[in-house]
Amino acid sequence: MLTKVVIIGAGGFAREVQDVIRNIGETRFYLVGFVDDFVEVGTSINGVPVLGDFSWFKTPEARGVSAVVGVGAPEVRRKLVLRLQEMGVPFATIVDPSIIASPFVTIGHGTVICPGVILTNNITIGNHVHLNLGSTVGHDAVIEDFTTTAPGVHINGHNYLKEGAYIGTGANFNEGITVGEWSVIGSGASVVRDIPANVTAVGCPAKVIKTREKGWYLS
């Protein structure tokens, strides 16, 4: 069944989501356009129009259209998702056909999985997760809602990435590591011990360099 979809946001990652939808093909998704509060209506993004801001969802053209949020920052993505939920907009899950994945993987709604991702077995991926180019995920890993992996991240077996974690390019993890909710792991970090919530950790081995107040992502 063909699903009509709009991408929320019109920046760099939104264009990457556009490419994934193109890779999947028009037998499954028809990309209607982009919705963005800050880009002029009618702007063409790689041949696809900006439809307008969130008020577009109140138009007749929006009936039966699903959305996917193409914004990499977890805290911003969460806010956009909440706005869409309040409007009753359904979500599309966008998975590139090039990925390698066990049949024993659970993927939530609104999630985007980019080219070259490898998922082994018994993995749970939440809602509105972004797994970027070439990331790998080991057995029994859990990735909670709104988590983002930048390109080339290597998540090991039994890793647990809690809600809203952001994992920078090329970071890697020992087996059994937990990253607390709304924490940031810097690019190239080697994570060899658990990381608490609401912190930024960088380096090899990864060490906490910044702590934020609980609920910082709500502001």
Protein backbone atom coordinates (compact mmCIF):
# COMPACT_ATOMS: atom_id res chain seq x y z
CA MET A 1 0.00 0.00 0.00
CA LEU A 2 1.34 3.42 -0.97
CA THR A 3 1.83 5.80 1.98
CA LYS A 4 1.87 9.54 1.48
CA VAL A 5 4.51 11.12 3.69
CA VAL A 6 5.90 14.54 4.56
CA ILE A 7 9.28 15.24 6.11
CA ILE A 8 9.32 17.61 9.07
CA GLY A 9 12.27 19.95 8.74
CA ALA A 10 14.12 21.06 5.63
CA GLY A 11 17.77 20.92 6.69
CA GLY A 12 20.62 18.52 6.04
CA PHE A 13 19.26 15.40 7.70
CA ALA A 14 15.83 16.02 6.20
CA ARG A 15 17.48 15.77 2.78
CA GLU A 16 19.10 12.50 3.85
CA VAL A 17 15.67 11.17 4.80
CA GLN A 18 14.49 12.28 1.37
CA ASP A 19 17.23 10.14 -0.16
CA VAL A 20 16.19 7.11 1.90
CA ILE A 21 12.58 7.50 0.75
CA ARG A 22 13.84 7.71 -2.83
CA ASN A 23 15.89 4.53 -2.28
CA ILE A 24 12.81 2.70 -1.00
CA GLY A 25 10.88 3.64 -4.12
CA GLU A 26 7.46 5.00 -4.96
CA THR A 27 5.75 1.64 -4.59
CA ARG A 28 5.77 2.17 -0.80
CA PHE A 29 6.07 5.92 -0.16
CA TYR A 30 5.06 9.04 -2.03
CA LEU A 31 6.92 12.09 -0.71
CA VAL A 32 4.44 14.96 -0.75
CA GLY A 33 6.93 17.55 0.48
CA PHE A 34 8.59 19.19 3.46
CA VAL A 35 6.98 21.03 6.38
CA ASP A 36 9.14 23.65 8.08
CA ASP A 37 8.24 26.74 10.11
CA PHE A 38 11.25 28.68 8.83
CA VAL A 39 11.55 27.93 5.10
CA GLU A 40 9.52 29.78 2.48
CA VAL A 41 6.56 27.96 0.97
CA GLY A 42 7.33 26.67 -2.51
CA THR A 43 11.07 26.39 -1.99
CA SER A 44 12.32 23.37 -3.95
CA ILE A 45 14.55 20.94 -2.08
CA ASN A 46 16.12 18.52 -4.52
CA GLY A 47 12.97 18.68 -6.61
CA VAL A 48 10.45 18.42 -3.77
CA PRO A 49 8.51 21.46 -2.48
CA VAL A 50 8.25 23.01 0.96
CA LEU A 51 4.53 22.87 1.68
CA GLY A 52 4.46 25.38 4.50
CA ASP A 53 4.57 25.43 8.29
CA PHE A 54 2.61 23.25 10.73
CA SER A 55 -0.64 24.93 9.70
CA TRP A 56 -0.42 22.86 6.51
CA PHE A 57 -1.72 19.89 8.51
CA LYS A 58 -5.07 21.71 8.82
CA THR A 59 -5.56 21.75 5.05
CA PRO A 60 -7.52 19.13 3.06
CA GLU A 61 -4.28 18.08 1.33
CA ALA A 62 -2.95 16.74 4.64
CA ARG A 63 -5.64 14.11 5.07
CA GLY A 64 -4.20 10.61 5.13
CA VAL A 65 -0.61 11.87 5.11
CA SER A 66 1.97 10.48 7.55
CA ALA A 67 5.01 12.34 8.87
CA VAL A 68 8.62 11.59 9.69
CA VAL A 69 10.80 14.07 11.55
CA GLY A 70 14.05 14.78 9.72
CA VAL A 71 15.82 16.66 12.52
CA GLY A 72 18.91 15.10 14.07
CA ALA A 73 18.89 16.83 17.47
CA PRO A 74 16.92 14.56 19.85
CA GLU A 75 15.52 17.40 21.98
CA VAL A 76 14.20 19.27 18.94
CA ARG A 77 12.81 16.09 17.40
CA ARG A 78 10.91 15.32 20.61
CA LYS A 79 9.23 18.75 20.59
CA LEU A 80 8.21 18.37 16.96
CA VAL A 81 6.83 14.88 17.59
CA LEU A 82 4.72 16.17 20.49
CA ARG A 83 3.26 18.87 18.23
CA LEU A 84 2.39 16.28 15.61
CA GLN A 85 0.83 13.97 18.20
CA GLU A 86 -1.38 16.79 19.44
CA MET A 87 -2.63 17.23 15.86
CA GLY A 88 -3.27 13.50 15.43
CA VAL A 89 -0.73 13.07 12.63
CA PRO A 90 0.39 9.45 12.08
CA PHE A 91 4.07 8.58 11.70
CA ALA A 92 5.97 6.72 9.00
CA THR A 93 8.96 4.48 9.68
CA ILE A 94 11.67 4.89 7.04
CA VAL A 95 14.20 2.07 6.61
CA ASP A 96 16.72 2.03 3.77
CA PRO A 97 16.58 -1.20 1.72
CA SER A 98 20.37 -1.58 1.91
CA ILE A 99 20.45 -2.38 5.63
CA ILE A 100 21.38 -5.83 6.92
CA ALA A 101 18.99 -6.87 9.69
CA SER A 102 17.95 -10.00 11.52
CA PRO A 103 14.22 -10.78 11.45
CA PHE A 104 14.40 -10.62 15.24
CA VAL A 105 14.59 -6.84 15.44
CA THR A 106 11.79 -4.58 16.68
CA ILE A 107 11.61 -1.07 15.19
CA GLY A 108 9.27 1.63 16.52
CA HIS A 109 7.24 4.17 14.57
CA GLY A 110 8.76 7.34 13.17
CA THR A 111 12.23 5.83 13.18
CA VAL A 112 14.73 6.45 10.35
CA ILE A 113 17.42 3.89 9.49
CA CYS A 114 19.95 5.08 6.91
CA PRO A 115 22.01 3.19 4.32
CA GLY A 116 24.66 0.73 5.45
CA VAL A 117 23.28 0.07 8.93
CA ILE A 118 23.75 -3.45 10.30
CA LEU A 119 21.40 -4.85 12.97
CA THR A 120 22.13 -8.28 14.42
CA ASN A 121 19.52 -10.11 16.49
CA ASN A 122 17.09 -9.52 19.36
CA ILE A 123 17.47 -5.74 19.17
CA THR A 124 14.78 -3.33 20.33
CA ILE A 125 14.68 0.09 18.65
CA GLY A 126 12.20 2.64 19.98
CA ASN A 127 10.13 5.36 18.38
CA HIS A 128 11.61 8.33 16.49
CA VAL A 129 15.14 6.92 16.61
CA HIS A 130 17.70 7.94 13.96
CA LEU A 131 20.42 5.44 13.03
CA ASN A 132 22.73 7.21 10.62
CA LEU A 133 25.00 5.94 7.85
CA GLY A 134 26.99 2.79 8.54
CA SER A 135 26.07 2.39 12.20
CA THR A 136 26.12 -1.14 13.61
CA VAL A 137 24.09 -2.55 16.49
CA GLY A 138 24.97 -5.76 18.34
CA HIS A 139 22.74 -8.46 19.78
CA ASP A 140 20.29 -7.70 22.59
CA ALA A 141 20.84 -3.95 22.41
CA VAL A 142 18.05 -1.59 23.42
CA ILE A 143 17.81 1.88 21.86
CA GLU A 144 15.11 4.03 23.40
CA ASP A 145 12.94 6.75 21.86
CA PHE A 146 14.53 9.85 20.30
CA THR A 147 18.07 8.46 20.35
CA THR A 148 20.37 9.51 17.49
CA THR A 149 23.51 7.80 16.24
CA ALA A 150 25.69 9.84 13.90
CA PRO A 151 27.50 7.99 11.06
CA GLY A 152 29.77 5.06 11.85
CA VAL A 153 28.71 4.40 15.45
CA HIS A 154 29.31 0.87 16.76
CA ILE A 155 26.85 -0.25 19.43
CA ASN A 156 27.84 -3.49 21.10
CA GLY A 157 25.87 -6.41 22.47
CA HIS A 158 23.64 -5.72 25.47
CA ASN A 159 24.19 -1.95 25.18
CA TYR A 160 21.31 0.15 26.49
CA LEU A 161 20.94 3.65 25.08
CA LYS A 162 18.27 5.44 27.05
CA GLU A 163 15.84 8.06 25.79
CA GLY A 164 17.26 10.99 23.87
CA ALA A 165 20.89 9.89 23.84
CA TYR A 166 23.02 11.44 21.09
CA ILE A 167 26.00 9.37 19.94
CA GLY A 168 28.62 11.23 17.91
CA THR A 169 30.32 10.03 14.74
CA GLY A 170 32.48 6.93 15.11
CA ALA A 171 31.85 6.35 18.81
CA ASN A 172 32.15 2.76 20.00
CA PHE A 173 31.08 0.83 23.08
CA ASN A 174 32.20 -2.10 25.18
CA GLU A 175 29.61 -4.82 25.67
CA GLY A 176 26.93 -4.24 28.29
CA ILE A 177 27.27 -0.45 28.52
CA THR A 178 24.35 1.80 29.49
CA VAL A 179 24.12 5.45 28.39
CA GLY A 180 21.72 7.49 30.51
CA GLU A 181 18.84 9.48 29.10
CA TRP A 182 19.55 12.72 27.24
CA SER A 183 23.31 12.31 27.38
CA VAL A 184 25.76 13.11 24.59
CA ILE A 185 28.71 10.93 23.58
CA GLY A 186 31.35 12.82 21.61
CA SER A 187 32.65 11.83 18.19
CA GLY A 188 35.26 9.07 18.26
CA ALA A 189 34.71 8.26 21.93
CA SER A 190 35.40 4.79 23.32
CA VAL A 191 32.82 4.08 26.00
CA VAL A 192 34.15 1.48 28.43
CA ARG A 193 31.91 2.16 31.44
CA ASP A 194 28.33 3.28 32.02
CA ILE A 195 27.51 6.93 31.37
CA PRO A 196 24.97 8.70 33.62
CA ALA A 197 22.00 10.75 32.45
CA ASN A 198 22.18 14.36 31.26
CA VAL A 199 25.93 14.53 30.69
CA THR A 200 28.41 14.97 27.85
CA ALA A 201 31.23 12.42 27.69
CA VAL A 202 34.18 12.52 25.29
CA GLY A 203 37.54 10.83 24.72
CA CYS A 204 39.22 7.43 24.85
CA PRO A 205 38.15 6.21 27.30
CA ALA A 206 35.08 8.43 27.46
CA LYS A 207 34.96 10.77 30.46
CA VAL A 208 32.23 13.14 31.59
CA ILE A 209 33.12 16.78 30.87
CA LYS A 210 29.72 18.42 31.33
CA THR A 211 26.59 17.84 33.40
CA ARG A 212 23.20 19.40 32.66
CA GLU A 213 20.18 19.80 34.91
CA LYS A 214 17.54 17.08 34.75
CA GLY A 215 14.93 18.04 32.18
CA TRP A 216 17.23 20.41 30.26
CA TYR A 217 15.77 19.16 26.98
CA LEU A 218 12.34 20.57 27.89
CA SER A 219 13.43 24.20 27.60
